[in-house]
N, C-alpha and C. Protein backbone atom coordinates (compact mmCIF):
# COMPACT_ATOMS: atom_id res chain seq x y z
N MET A 1 7.30 1.66 12.82
CA MET A 1 6.25 0.81 13.58
C MET A 1 7.49 -0.24 14.33
N SER A 2 7.05 -1.04 15.32
CA SER A 2 8.00 -1.99 15.48
C SER A 2 7.72 -3.42 15.07
N LYS A 3 8.57 -4.21 15.18
CA LYS A 3 8.38 -5.57 14.27
C LYS A 3 7.09 -6.19 14.40
N ASN A 4 6.72 -6.29 15.94
CA ASN A 4 5.03 -6.88 16.01
C ASN A 4 4.14 -6.05 15.58
N GLY A 5 3.94 -5.19 14.90
CA GLY A 5 3.43 -3.96 13.74
C GLY A 5 2.90 -3.12 15.08
N GLU A 6 3.15 -3.03 15.64
CA GLU A 6 2.37 -1.39 16.88
C GLU A 6 3.17 -0.67 16.46
N SER A 7 2.25 0.51 16.95
CA SER A 7 3.25 1.81 16.43
C SER A 7 4.02 2.08 17.68
N THR A 8 5.04 2.65 16.89
CA THR A 8 6.27 3.21 18.21
C THR A 8 6.18 4.50 18.58
N CYS A 9 5.19 5.26 18.08
CA CYS A 9 4.89 6.86 18.15
C CYS A 9 4.11 6.72 19.34
N GLN A 10 4.95 7.67 20.40
CA GLN A 10 4.03 8.12 21.38
C GLN A 10 2.93 9.11 21.19
N ARG A 11 1.64 8.79 21.82
CA ARG A 11 0.58 9.27 21.64
C ARG A 11 0.16 10.33 23.25
N ALA A 12 -0.42 10.83 23.03
CA ALA A 12 -0.93 11.73 24.13
C ALA A 12 -2.13 10.49 24.66
N GLU A 13 -2.28 10.84 25.92
CA GLU A 13 -3.11 9.90 26.62
C GLU A 13 -4.53 10.29 26.21
N ARG A 14 -5.42 9.31 26.02
CA ARG A 14 -6.86 9.24 25.65
C ARG A 14 -7.98 9.10 26.31
N SER A 15 -8.81 9.95 26.47
CA SER A 15 -9.95 9.89 27.83
C SER A 15 -11.04 9.63 27.10
N PRO A 16 -11.66 8.69 27.18
CA PRO A 16 -12.98 8.67 26.85
C PRO A 16 -13.95 9.38 27.14
N VAL A 17 -14.83 9.99 25.99
CA VAL A 17 -15.44 10.76 25.96
C VAL A 17 -16.33 10.75 24.66
N ARG A 18 -17.90 10.65 25.19
CA ARG A 18 -19.01 10.30 24.18
C ARG A 18 -19.83 11.67 24.13
N THR A 19 -19.68 12.50 23.45
CA THR A 19 -20.39 14.06 22.83
C THR A 19 -20.44 14.15 21.40
N ASP A 20 -21.59 14.92 20.92
CA ASP A 20 -21.76 15.51 19.75
C ASP A 20 -20.85 15.80 19.03
N VAL A 21 -20.56 15.51 17.99
CA VAL A 21 -19.34 16.37 17.17
C VAL A 21 -20.06 16.46 15.58
N GLU A 22 -19.66 17.87 15.29
CA GLU A 22 -20.35 18.28 13.79
C GLU A 22 -18.57 18.97 13.50
N PHE A 23 -18.72 18.63 12.00
CA PHE A 23 -17.35 18.70 11.17
C PHE A 23 -18.17 19.01 9.98
N TYR A 24 -17.19 19.99 9.35
CA TYR A 24 -17.51 20.52 7.59
C TYR A 24 -16.77 19.82 6.73
N VAL A 25 -17.64 19.39 5.61
CA VAL A 25 -16.88 19.12 4.12
C VAL A 25 -17.66 19.57 3.16
N GLY A 26 -16.87 20.44 2.85
CA GLY A 26 -17.40 21.55 1.94
C GLY A 26 -18.40 22.30 2.40
N ASP A 27 -19.76 22.55 2.09
CA ASP A 27 -20.95 23.14 2.69
C ASP A 27 -21.75 22.23 3.35
N ALA A 28 -21.22 20.93 3.44
CA ALA A 28 -22.07 19.76 4.36
C ALA A 28 -21.84 20.18 5.80
N ILE A 29 -22.42 19.91 6.51
CA ILE A 29 -22.48 19.78 7.90
C ILE A 29 -22.27 18.44 8.44
N MET A 30 -21.47 17.76 8.73
CA MET A 30 -21.57 16.16 9.16
C MET A 30 -21.63 15.83 10.92
N LYS A 31 -22.22 14.63 10.98
CA LYS A 31 -22.68 14.75 12.40
C LYS A 31 -21.89 13.13 12.91
N ALA A 32 -21.38 13.22 14.01
CA ALA A 32 -20.76 12.11 14.61
C ALA A 32 -20.54 12.23 16.17
N ILE A 33 -20.35 10.86 16.81
CA ILE A 33 -20.32 10.61 18.36
C ILE A 33 -18.66 10.82 18.52
N SER A 34 -18.17 11.29 19.81
CA SER A 34 -16.89 11.16 19.68
C SER A 34 -16.49 9.77 20.74
N ILE A 35 -15.42 8.63 20.62
CA ILE A 35 -15.19 8.20 21.10
C ILE A 35 -14.28 8.34 22.35
N ASN A 36 -13.15 9.02 22.27
CA ASN A 36 -12.33 9.61 23.05
C ASN A 36 -11.39 10.44 22.43
N VAL A 37 -10.73 11.45 23.49
CA VAL A 37 -10.07 12.72 22.84
C VAL A 37 -8.89 12.58 23.69
N SER A 38 -7.94 13.29 23.01
CA SER A 38 -6.64 13.69 23.59
C SER A 38 -6.12 14.89 23.43
N GLU A 39 -5.12 15.61 24.15
CA GLU A 39 -4.52 16.74 23.73
C GLU A 39 -4.10 17.01 21.86
N SER A 40 -4.11 15.54 21.59
CA SER A 40 -3.28 15.69 19.90
C SER A 40 -4.70 15.46 18.90
N GLY A 41 -5.53 14.54 19.66
CA GLY A 41 -6.50 14.41 18.55
C GLY A 41 -7.80 13.46 18.83
N LEU A 42 -8.73 13.37 18.14
CA LEU A 42 -10.22 13.02 18.65
C LEU A 42 -10.29 11.30 17.48
N CYS A 43 -11.25 10.69 18.05
CA CYS A 43 -11.68 9.44 17.27
C CYS A 43 -13.06 9.62 17.56
N PHE A 44 -13.56 9.34 16.35
CA PHE A 44 -15.26 9.34 16.42
C PHE A 44 -15.80 8.31 15.43
N ASP A 45 -17.21 7.82 16.02
CA ASP A 45 -18.15 7.30 15.02
C ASP A 45 -19.48 8.11 14.33
N MET A 46 -19.66 7.41 13.03
CA MET A 46 -20.22 7.91 11.79
C MET A 46 -21.50 7.16 11.82
N ASP A 47 -22.59 7.32 11.75
CA ASP A 47 -23.67 6.38 10.89
C ASP A 47 -23.47 5.75 9.60
N GLU A 48 -22.81 6.76 8.62
CA GLU A 48 -22.34 6.63 7.36
C GLU A 48 -21.16 7.01 7.09
N PRO A 49 -20.45 6.37 6.11
CA PRO A 49 -18.92 7.06 5.56
C PRO A 49 -19.35 8.17 5.45
N ILE A 50 -17.90 8.94 5.32
CA ILE A 50 -17.90 10.52 4.75
C ILE A 50 -17.00 10.13 3.33
N LYS A 51 -17.99 10.83 2.47
CA LYS A 51 -18.06 10.58 1.15
C LYS A 51 -17.85 12.00 0.20
N ILE A 52 -17.22 11.44 -0.71
CA ILE A 52 -16.68 12.82 -1.56
C ILE A 52 -17.27 12.51 -3.00
N CYS A 53 -16.98 13.87 -3.60
CA CYS A 53 -16.88 13.42 -4.96
C CYS A 53 -15.51 13.87 -5.90
N LEU A 54 -15.11 13.06 -6.63
CA LEU A 54 -13.56 13.20 -7.15
C LEU A 54 -14.18 13.61 -8.64
N ARG A 55 -12.88 13.84 -9.29
CA ARG A 55 -12.81 13.98 -10.77
C ARG A 55 -11.62 13.97 -10.76
N MET A 56 -11.29 13.06 -12.03
CA MET A 56 -9.80 13.18 -12.01
C MET A 56 -9.83 12.41 -14.04
N GLU A 57 -8.75 12.89 -14.34
CA GLU A 57 -8.68 12.15 -15.90
C GLU A 57 -7.56 11.12 -16.01
N VAL A 58 -8.34 9.81 -16.87
CA VAL A 58 -7.78 8.69 -16.69
C VAL A 58 -8.06 8.29 -18.28
N ASN A 59 -6.71 8.01 -19.03
CA ASN A 59 -6.77 7.61 -20.35
C ASN A 59 -7.56 8.73 -21.39
N ASN A 60 -7.03 10.20 -21.08
CA ASN A 60 -7.45 11.08 -21.74
C ASN A 60 -9.08 11.36 -21.38
N GLN A 61 -9.52 10.97 -20.72
CA GLN A 61 -11.14 10.82 -19.84
C GLN A 61 -11.50 11.31 -19.01
N LEU A 62 -12.40 12.46 -18.41
CA LEU A 62 -12.66 13.10 -17.49
C LEU A 62 -13.84 12.20 -16.76
N ILE A 63 -13.38 11.90 -15.67
CA ILE A 63 -14.06 10.82 -15.13
C ILE A 63 -14.96 11.48 -13.52
N ASN A 64 -15.83 11.23 -13.19
CA ASN A 64 -16.35 12.06 -12.19
C ASN A 64 -17.04 10.64 -11.27
N ARG A 65 -16.78 10.66 -9.92
CA ARG A 65 -17.01 9.26 -9.14
C ARG A 65 -17.21 9.80 -7.85
N GLU A 66 -18.27 9.19 -7.00
CA GLU A 66 -18.37 9.35 -5.44
C GLU A 66 -17.18 8.28 -4.83
N ALA A 67 -17.11 8.65 -3.70
CA ALA A 67 -16.13 7.50 -3.00
C ALA A 67 -16.36 8.18 -1.62
N GLN A 68 -15.55 7.33 -0.72
CA GLN A 68 -15.88 7.61 0.15
C GLN A 68 -14.33 7.01 1.19
N ILE A 69 -13.86 7.28 1.81
CA ILE A 69 -12.56 7.40 2.71
C ILE A 69 -12.52 6.20 3.43
N VAL A 70 -11.89 5.08 3.22
CA VAL A 70 -11.52 3.86 4.14
C VAL A 70 -10.33 4.17 4.76
N TRP A 71 -9.54 4.49 4.57
CA TRP A 71 -7.82 4.17 4.97
C TRP A 71 -7.51 6.04 4.87
N ALA A 72 -6.57 6.29 5.95
CA ALA A 72 -5.73 7.29 5.99
C ALA A 72 -4.48 7.32 6.50
N LYS A 73 -3.21 7.34 6.34
CA LYS A 73 -1.99 7.05 6.82
C LYS A 73 -1.14 8.40 6.63
N LYS A 74 -0.84 9.23 8.03
CA LYS A 74 0.45 9.99 8.09
C LYS A 74 1.69 9.73 7.44
N LYS A 75 2.29 10.70 6.84
CA LYS A 75 3.31 10.25 6.12
C LYS A 75 4.59 11.23 6.81
N SER A 76 5.79 10.86 6.22
CA SER A 76 7.25 11.03 7.46
C SER A 76 7.19 13.09 6.82
N ASP A 77 6.70 13.52 5.58
CA ASP A 77 6.77 14.58 5.29
C ASP A 77 5.58 15.46 5.70
N GLY A 78 4.61 14.86 6.59
CA GLY A 78 3.74 15.58 7.07
C GLY A 78 2.25 15.60 6.78
N GLY A 79 2.92 15.28 5.19
CA GLY A 79 1.18 14.75 4.30
C GLY A 79 0.50 13.68 4.78
N VAL A 80 -0.61 13.52 4.12
CA VAL A 80 -1.41 12.10 4.40
C VAL A 80 -1.94 11.49 3.04
N THR A 81 -2.01 10.22 2.89
CA THR A 81 -2.28 9.21 1.68
C THR A 81 -3.39 8.47 2.19
N TYR A 82 -4.43 8.87 1.24
CA TYR A 82 -5.70 8.45 1.57
C TYR A 82 -5.51 7.56 0.67
N GLY A 83 -7.15 6.65 1.21
CA GLY A 83 -7.48 5.38 0.62
C GLY A 83 -8.72 5.34 0.33
N PHE A 84 -9.59 5.21 -1.15
CA PHE A 84 -10.87 5.63 -0.96
C PHE A 84 -11.58 4.35 -1.96
N GLU A 85 -12.72 3.92 -1.72
CA GLU A 85 -13.49 3.33 -2.37
C GLU A 85 -14.63 3.56 -3.35
N PHE A 86 -14.18 3.46 -4.31
CA PHE A 86 -15.82 3.75 -5.16
C PHE A 86 -16.82 3.66 -4.93
N THR A 87 -17.80 4.33 -4.81
CA THR A 87 -19.38 3.79 -4.33
C THR A 87 -20.68 3.38 -5.22
N PRO A 88 -21.41 2.55 -5.69
CA PRO A 88 -21.89 2.31 -6.74
C PRO A 88 -22.88 3.26 -6.56
N ASN A 89 -23.81 3.59 -7.92
CA ASN A 89 -24.53 4.58 -8.09
C ASN A 89 -23.84 6.06 -7.58
N SER A 90 -22.77 6.15 -8.32
CA SER A 90 -22.22 7.64 -8.06
C SER A 90 -23.49 8.78 -8.32
N ASN A 91 -23.34 9.84 -7.41
CA ASN A 91 -24.42 10.92 -7.97
C ASN A 91 -23.39 12.31 -7.72
N CYS A 92 -22.21 12.27 -8.85
CA CYS A 92 -21.73 13.52 -8.61
C CYS A 92 -21.65 14.38 -9.76
N TRP A 93 -21.41 15.84 -9.75
CA TRP A 93 -21.94 17.02 -10.55
C TRP A 93 -23.00 16.29 -11.39
C-alpha cells in the first residue's frame, strides 16, 4: 500500500456488468448480482451475507458457531486471512 492507504497493486481494468451469479458453498447454491468483471476477478452484491458453520476447540471445549464473512485479505504467500463475525441464534449442527 502507498502512504495514503491506496493499493499500489496493478489490477486488470474492470467493466461494469450486471448479471446473475451463482456459486456454491458446500451443497448450497448462493445467488448474487455482479457489479463488475475483469480478467482477474469479479465483484458482486448479495441480499444476505455469506454464512458458514465453524467448529473449533476453545479452552478444551468444542464450540459450534454460525458466522458470516465480513472481510478478507490476500497474504503475500498466496494465502488468505478471513475475518468472521459470529451471528446471533447460531443454527449449526
